[in-house]
Amino acid sequence: MLDVTFPDGNSLAVIPTIKKIQPNLKILIFSGHDEDIYAMRYLQAGVNGYLHKLSTEDEIKAAISDVITFGRYFSRNIQEKITNNYIFKKPQNPLEQLSNRELEISRLMVEGYGNIEICAALDLQKSTVSTYKNRIFEKLQIEHISELIHLFNLYKEV
């Protein structure tokens, strides 16, 4: 079991490394982050399941059992999301359109970081952060950070 965030690390970035070292290792993400936004990203990165920390004890047992027995676990919500994405090919949550880096930068902007602070935190050039910010605003069809904050609040991402 692996959490989405941990000190001095980003589990999304570490998953390919883990899988390279032990390709048959089963990884179940156990996180407080919104399943609607993060689960598909982690599944695409190679994890075997995603479970929210507010899940019931029975759900936790079922998830662990499914990963061990079948090699994967999808909550009913994620099963519906996979089906909807497959059938309609359109994300329901606008934040799902963002790449992992765009989501990371968006989260920092929502938390009040300015461009220079984001540059320092992520070791990026100022022009790179500006480019990401423009892409984020364009993809989400917004013009101000207040609208980004509203989207994060609306989709329970803060």
C-alpha atoms as a PDB file:
ATOM      1  CA  MET A   1       0.000   0.000   0.000  1.00  0.00           C
ATOM      2  CA  LEU A   2       1.292   3.402  -0.959  1.00  0.00           C
ATOM      3  CA  ASP A   3      -0.001   6.884  -0.214  1.00  0.00           C
ATOM      4  CA  VAL A   4      -0.263   9.538  -2.922  1.00  0.00           C
ATOM      5  CA  THR A   5       1.872  12.012  -1.005  1.00  0.00           C
ATOM      6  CA  PHE A   6       4.716  11.390   1.368  1.00  0.00           C
ATOM      7  CA  PRO A   7       7.600  13.489   2.701  1.00  0.00           C
ATOM      8  CA  ASP A   8      10.172  14.428   0.058  1.00  0.00           C
ATOM      9  CA  GLY A   9       8.446  12.387  -2.594  1.00  0.00           C
ATOM     10  CA  ASN A  10       5.779  12.049  -5.210  1.00  0.00           C
ATOM     11  CA  SER A  11       4.346   8.555  -5.491  1.00  0.00           C
ATOM     12  CA  LEU A  12       3.222   9.126  -9.078  1.00  0.00           C
ATOM     13  CA  ALA A  13       6.836   9.702 -10.076  1.00  0.00           C
ATOM     14  CA  VAL A  14       8.165   6.769  -8.056  1.00  0.00           C
ATOM     15  CA  ILE A  15       5.745   4.111  -9.373  1.00  0.00           C
ATOM     16  CA  PRO A  16       7.575   3.467 -12.675  1.00  0.00           C
ATOM     17  CA  THR A  17      10.825   3.071 -10.731  1.00  0.00           C
ATOM     18  CA  ILE A  18       9.229   0.601  -8.315  1.00  0.00           C
ATOM     19  CA  LYS A  19       7.670  -1.349 -11.200  1.00  0.00           C
ATOM     20  CA  LYS A  20      10.999  -1.420 -13.031  1.00  0.00           C
ATOM     21  CA  ILE A  21      12.711  -2.963  -9.999  1.00  0.00           C
ATOM     22  CA  GLN A  22       9.856  -5.372  -9.215  1.00  0.00           C
ATOM     23  CA  PRO A  23       7.504  -5.666 -12.203  1.00  0.00           C
ATOM     24  CA  ASN A  24       5.175  -8.150 -10.488  1.00  0.00           C
ATOM     25  CA  LEU A  25       4.773  -6.085  -7.327  1.00  0.00           C
ATOM     26  CA  LYS A  26       1.139  -5.183  -6.643  1.00  0.00           C
ATOM     27  CA  ILE A  27       0.571  -1.574  -5.601  1.00  0.00           C
ATOM     28  CA  LEU A  28      -2.634  -0.372  -3.973  1.00  0.00           C
ATOM     29  CA  ILE A  29      -2.825   3.396  -3.508  1.00  0.00           C
ATOM     30  CA  PHE A  30      -4.423   4.342  -0.189  1.00  0.00           C
ATOM     31  CA  SER A  31      -5.046   8.069  -0.143  1.00  0.00           C
ATOM     32  CA  GLY A  32      -7.145  10.916   1.148  1.00  0.00           C
ATOM     33  CA  HIS A  33      -6.996  12.588  -2.279  1.00  0.00           C
ATOM     34  CA  ASP A  34     -10.116  12.603  -4.425  1.00  0.00           C
ATOM     35  CA  GLU A  35     -10.515   9.346  -6.297  1.00  0.00           C
ATOM     36  CA  ASP A  36     -12.285  11.133  -9.166  1.00  0.00           C
ATOM     37  CA  ILE A  37      -9.155  13.075 -10.026  1.00  0.00           C
ATOM     38  CA  TYR A  38      -6.287  10.851  -8.980  1.00  0.00           C
ATOM     39  CA  ALA A  39      -7.340   7.213  -9.432  1.00  0.00           C
ATOM     40  CA  MET A  40      -7.169   7.114 -13.224  1.00  0.00           C
ATOM     41  CA  ARG A  41      -3.749   8.813 -13.215  1.00  0.00           C
ATOM     42  CA  TYR A  42      -2.370   6.207 -10.850  1.00  0.00           C
ATOM     43  CA  LEU A  43      -3.976   3.303 -12.679  1.00  0.00           C
ATOM     44  CA  GLN A  44      -2.401   4.561 -15.910  1.00  0.00           C
ATOM     45  CA  ALA A  45       0.943   4.809 -14.105  1.00  0.00           C
ATOM     46  CA  GLY A  46       0.750   1.104 -13.290  1.00  0.00           C
ATOM     47  CA  VAL A  47      -0.812   0.707  -9.864  1.00  0.00           C
ATOM     48  CA  ASN A  48      -3.238  -2.136  -9.261  1.00  0.00           C
ATOM     49  CA  GLY A  49      -5.882  -0.182  -7.394  1.00  0.00           C
ATOM     50  CA  TYR A  50      -6.823   3.072  -5.715  1.00  0.00           C
ATOM     51  CA  LEU A  51      -8.629   3.282  -2.403  1.00  0.00           C
ATOM     52  CA  HIS A  52      -9.798   6.344  -0.509  1.00  0.00           C
ATOM     53  CA  LYS A  53      -8.824   6.574   3.175  1.00  0.00           C
ATOM     54  CA  LEU A  54     -12.464   7.148   4.134  1.00  0.00           C
ATOM     55  CA  SER A  55     -13.407   3.718   2.763  1.00  0.00           C
ATOM     56  CA  THR A  56     -15.134   1.313   5.096  1.00  0.00           C
ATOM     57  CA  GLU A  57     -13.287  -1.583   6.664  1.00  0.00           C
ATOM     58  CA  ASP A  58     -15.145  -3.966   4.332  1.00  0.00           C
ATOM     59  CA  GLU A  59     -14.064  -1.940   1.277  1.00  0.00           C
ATOM     60  CA  ILE A  60     -10.452  -1.985   2.456  1.00  0.00           C
ATOM     61  CA  LYS A  61     -10.550  -5.762   2.954  1.00  0.00           C
ATOM     62  CA  ALA A  62     -12.203  -6.253  -0.454  1.00  0.00           C
ATOM     63  CA  ALA A  63      -9.611  -4.035  -2.164  1.00  0.00           C
ATOM     64  CA  ILE A  64      -6.670  -5.897  -0.636  1.00  0.00           C
ATOM     65  CA  SER A  65      -8.270  -9.241  -1.453  1.00  0.00           C
ATOM     66  CA  ASP A  66      -9.012  -8.208  -5.057  1.00  0.00           C
ATOM     67  CA  VAL A  67      -5.464  -6.979  -5.630  1.00  0.00           C
ATOM     68  CA  ILE A  68      -4.029 -10.217  -4.238  1.00  0.00           C
ATOM     69  CA  THR A  69      -6.522 -12.510  -6.005  1.00  0.00           C
ATOM     70  CA  PHE A  70      -7.250 -10.742  -9.305  1.00  0.00           C
ATOM     71  CA  GLY A  71      -4.321  -8.354  -9.555  1.00  0.00           C
ATOM     72  CA  ARG A  72      -6.502  -5.229  -9.504  1.00  0.00           C
ATOM     73  CA  TYR A  73      -9.166  -3.319  -7.598  1.00  0.00           C
ATOM     74  CA  PHE A  74     -11.633  -0.811  -9.006  1.00  0.00           C
ATOM     75  CA  SER A  75     -14.250   0.829  -6.807  1.00  0.00           C
ATOM     76  CA  ARG A  76     -17.744   1.081  -8.256  1.00  0.00           C
ATOM     77  CA  ASN A  77     -17.061   4.782  -8.877  1.00  0.00           C
ATOM     78  CA  ILE A  78     -13.923   4.003 -10.894  1.00  0.00           C
ATOM     79  CA  GLN A  79     -15.689   1.207 -12.801  1.00  0.00           C
ATOM     80  CA  GLU A  80     -18.338   3.748 -13.845  1.00  0.00           C
ATOM     81  CA  LYS A  81     -15.668   6.312 -14.723  1.00  0.00           C
ATOM     82  CA  ILE A  82     -13.790   3.805 -16.906  1.00  0.00           C
ATOM     83  CA  THR A  83     -17.032   2.839 -18.634  1.00  0.00           C
ATOM     84  CA  ASN A  84     -18.069   6.471 -19.162  1.00  0.00           C
ATOM     85  CA  ASN A  85     -14.641   7.475 -20.428  1.00  0.00           C
ATOM     86  CA  TYR A  86     -14.595   4.510 -22.782  1.00  0.00           C
ATOM     87  CA  ILE A  87     -18.096   5.104 -24.123  1.00  0.00           C
ATOM     88  CA  PHE A  88     -18.181   8.902 -24.194  1.00  0.00           C
ATOM     89  CA  LYS A  89     -14.421   9.631 -24.349  1.00  0.00           C
ATOM     90  CA  LYS A  90     -14.933  12.819 -22.382  1.00  0.00           C
ATOM     91  CA  PRO A  91     -13.822  13.527 -18.807  1.00  0.00           C
ATOM     92  CA  GLN A  92     -16.580  14.563 -16.417  1.00  0.00           C
ATOM     93  CA  ASN A  93     -14.368  16.600 -14.127  1.00  0.00           C
ATOM     94  CA  PRO A  94     -12.563  19.434 -15.957  1.00  0.00           C
ATOM     95  CA  LEU A  95      -9.477  18.963 -13.760  1.00  0.00           C
ATOM     96  CA  GLU A  96      -9.028  15.526 -15.338  1.00  0.00           C
ATOM     97  CA  GLN A  97      -7.943  17.267 -18.543  1.00  0.00           C
ATOM     98  CA  LEU A  98      -4.772  18.460 -16.847  1.00  0.00           C
ATOM     99  CA  SER A  99      -1.517  16.563 -17.110  1.00  0.00           C
ATOM    100  CA  ASN A 100       0.105  15.440 -13.868  1.00  0.00           C
ATOM    101  CA  ARG A 101       2.489  18.418 -13.917  1.00  0.00           C
ATOM    102  CA  GLU A 102      -0.350  20.848 -14.722  1.00  0.00           C
ATOM    103  CA  LEU A 103      -2.353  19.469 -11.801  1.00  0.00           C
ATOM    104  CA  GLU A 104       0.673  19.803  -9.515  1.00  0.00           C
ATOM    105  CA  ILE A 105       1.193  23.434 -10.563  1.00  0.00           C
ATOM    106  CA  SER A 106      -2.541  24.150 -10.281  1.00  0.00           C
ATOM    107  CA  ARG A 107      -2.580  22.816  -6.726  1.00  0.00           C
ATOM    108  CA  LEU A 108       0.332  25.077  -5.802  1.00  0.00           C
ATOM    109  CA  MET A 109      -1.410  28.104  -7.339  1.00  0.00           C
ATOM    110  CA  VAL A 110      -4.578  27.292  -5.380  1.00  0.00           C
ATOM    111  CA  GLU A 111      -2.479  26.999  -2.202  1.00  0.00           C
ATOM    112  CA  GLY A 112      -1.273  30.568  -2.804  1.00  0.00           C
ATOM    113  CA  TYR A 113       2.138  29.978  -4.349  1.00  0.00           C
ATOM    114  CA  GLY A 114       3.257  32.614  -6.843  1.00  0.00           C
ATOM    115  CA  ASN A 115       5.178  31.847 -10.032  1.00  0.00           C
ATOM    116  CA  ILE A 116       8.582  32.399  -8.404  1.00  0.00           C
ATOM    117  CA  GLU A 117       7.678  30.126  -5.467  1.00  0.00           C
ATOM    118  CA  ILE A 118       6.458  27.443  -7.875  1.00  0.00           C
ATOM    119  CA  CYS A 119       9.733  27.762  -9.809  1.00  0.00           C
ATOM    120  CA  ALA A 120      11.691  27.161  -6.610  1.00  0.00           C
ATOM    121  CA  ALA A 121       9.446  24.352  -5.339  1.00  0.00           C
ATOM    122  CA  LEU A 122       9.517  22.397  -8.609  1.00  0.00           C
ATOM    123  CA  ASP A 123      12.932  23.507  -9.904  1.00  0.00           C
ATOM    124  CA  LEU A 124      11.459  24.989 -13.078  1.00  0.00           C
ATOM    125  CA  GLN A 125      12.243  28.078 -15.121  1.00  0.00           C
ATOM    126  CA  LYS A 126       9.899  31.062 -14.789  1.00  0.00           C
ATOM    127  CA  SER A 127       8.968  30.791 -18.479  1.00  0.00           C
ATOM    128  CA  THR A 128       8.087  27.112 -18.012  1.00  0.00           C
ATOM    129  CA  VAL A 129       5.742  27.890 -15.129  1.00  0.00           C
ATOM    130  CA  SER A 130       4.143  30.680 -17.163  1.00  0.00           C
ATOM    131  CA  THR A 131       3.619  28.276 -20.064  1.00  0.00           C
ATOM    132  CA  TYR A 132       2.006  25.715 -17.763  1.00  0.00           C
ATOM    133  CA  LYS A 133      -0.204  28.382 -16.225  1.00  0.00           C
ATOM    134  CA  ASN A 134      -1.380  29.467 -19.685  1.00  0.00           C
ATOM    135  CA  ARG A 135      -2.117  25.851 -20.664  1.00  0.00           C
ATOM    136  CA  ILE A 136      -4.035  25.261 -17.448  1.00  0.00           C
ATOM    137  CA  PHE A 137      -6.168  28.350 -17.942  1.00  0.00           C
ATOM    138  CA  GLU A 138      -6.756  27.471 -21.589  1.00  0.00           C
ATOM    139  CA  LYS A 139      -7.727  23.853 -20.893  1.00  0.00           C
ATOM    140  CA  LEU A 140     -10.076  24.836 -18.073  1.00  0.00           C
ATOM    141  CA  GLN A 141     -11.386  27.857 -19.999  1.00  0.00           C
ATOM    142  CA  ILE A 142     -10.734  30.212 -17.112  1.00  0.00           C
ATOM    143  CA  GLU A 143      -9.058  33.603 -16.845  1.00  0.00           C
ATOM    144  CA  HIS A 144      -8.265  34.082 -13.143  1.00  0.00           C
ATOM    145  CA  ILE A 145      -6.833  32.111 -10.261  1.00  0.00           C
ATOM    146  CA  SER A 146     -10.090  32.735  -8.366  1.00  0.00           C
ATOM    147  CA  GLU A 147     -11.837  30.606 -11.011  1.00  0.00           C
ATOM    148  CA  LEU A 148      -9.231  27.886 -10.529  1.00  0.00           C
ATOM    149  CA  ILE A 149      -9.829  27.976  -6.778  1.00  0.00           C
ATOM    150  CA  HIS A 150     -13.558  27.706  -7.449  1.00  0.00           C
ATOM    151  CA  LEU A 151     -13.005  24.602  -9.619  1.00  0.00           C
ATOM    152  CA  PHE A 152     -10.818  22.975  -6.977  1.00  0.00           C
ATOM    153  CA  ASN A 153     -13.462  23.700  -4.325  1.00  0.00           C
ATOM    154  CA  LEU A 154     -16.259  22.499  -6.573  1.00  0.00           C
ATOM    155  CA  TYR A 155     -14.494  19.216  -7.251  1.00  0.00           C
ATOM    156  CA  LYS A 156     -13.259  18.862  -3.644  1.00  0.00           C
ATOM    157  CA  GLU A 157      -9.596  19.163  -4.530  1.00  0.00           C
ATOM    158  CA  VAL A 158      -8.466  21.588  -1.844  1.00  0.00           C
END
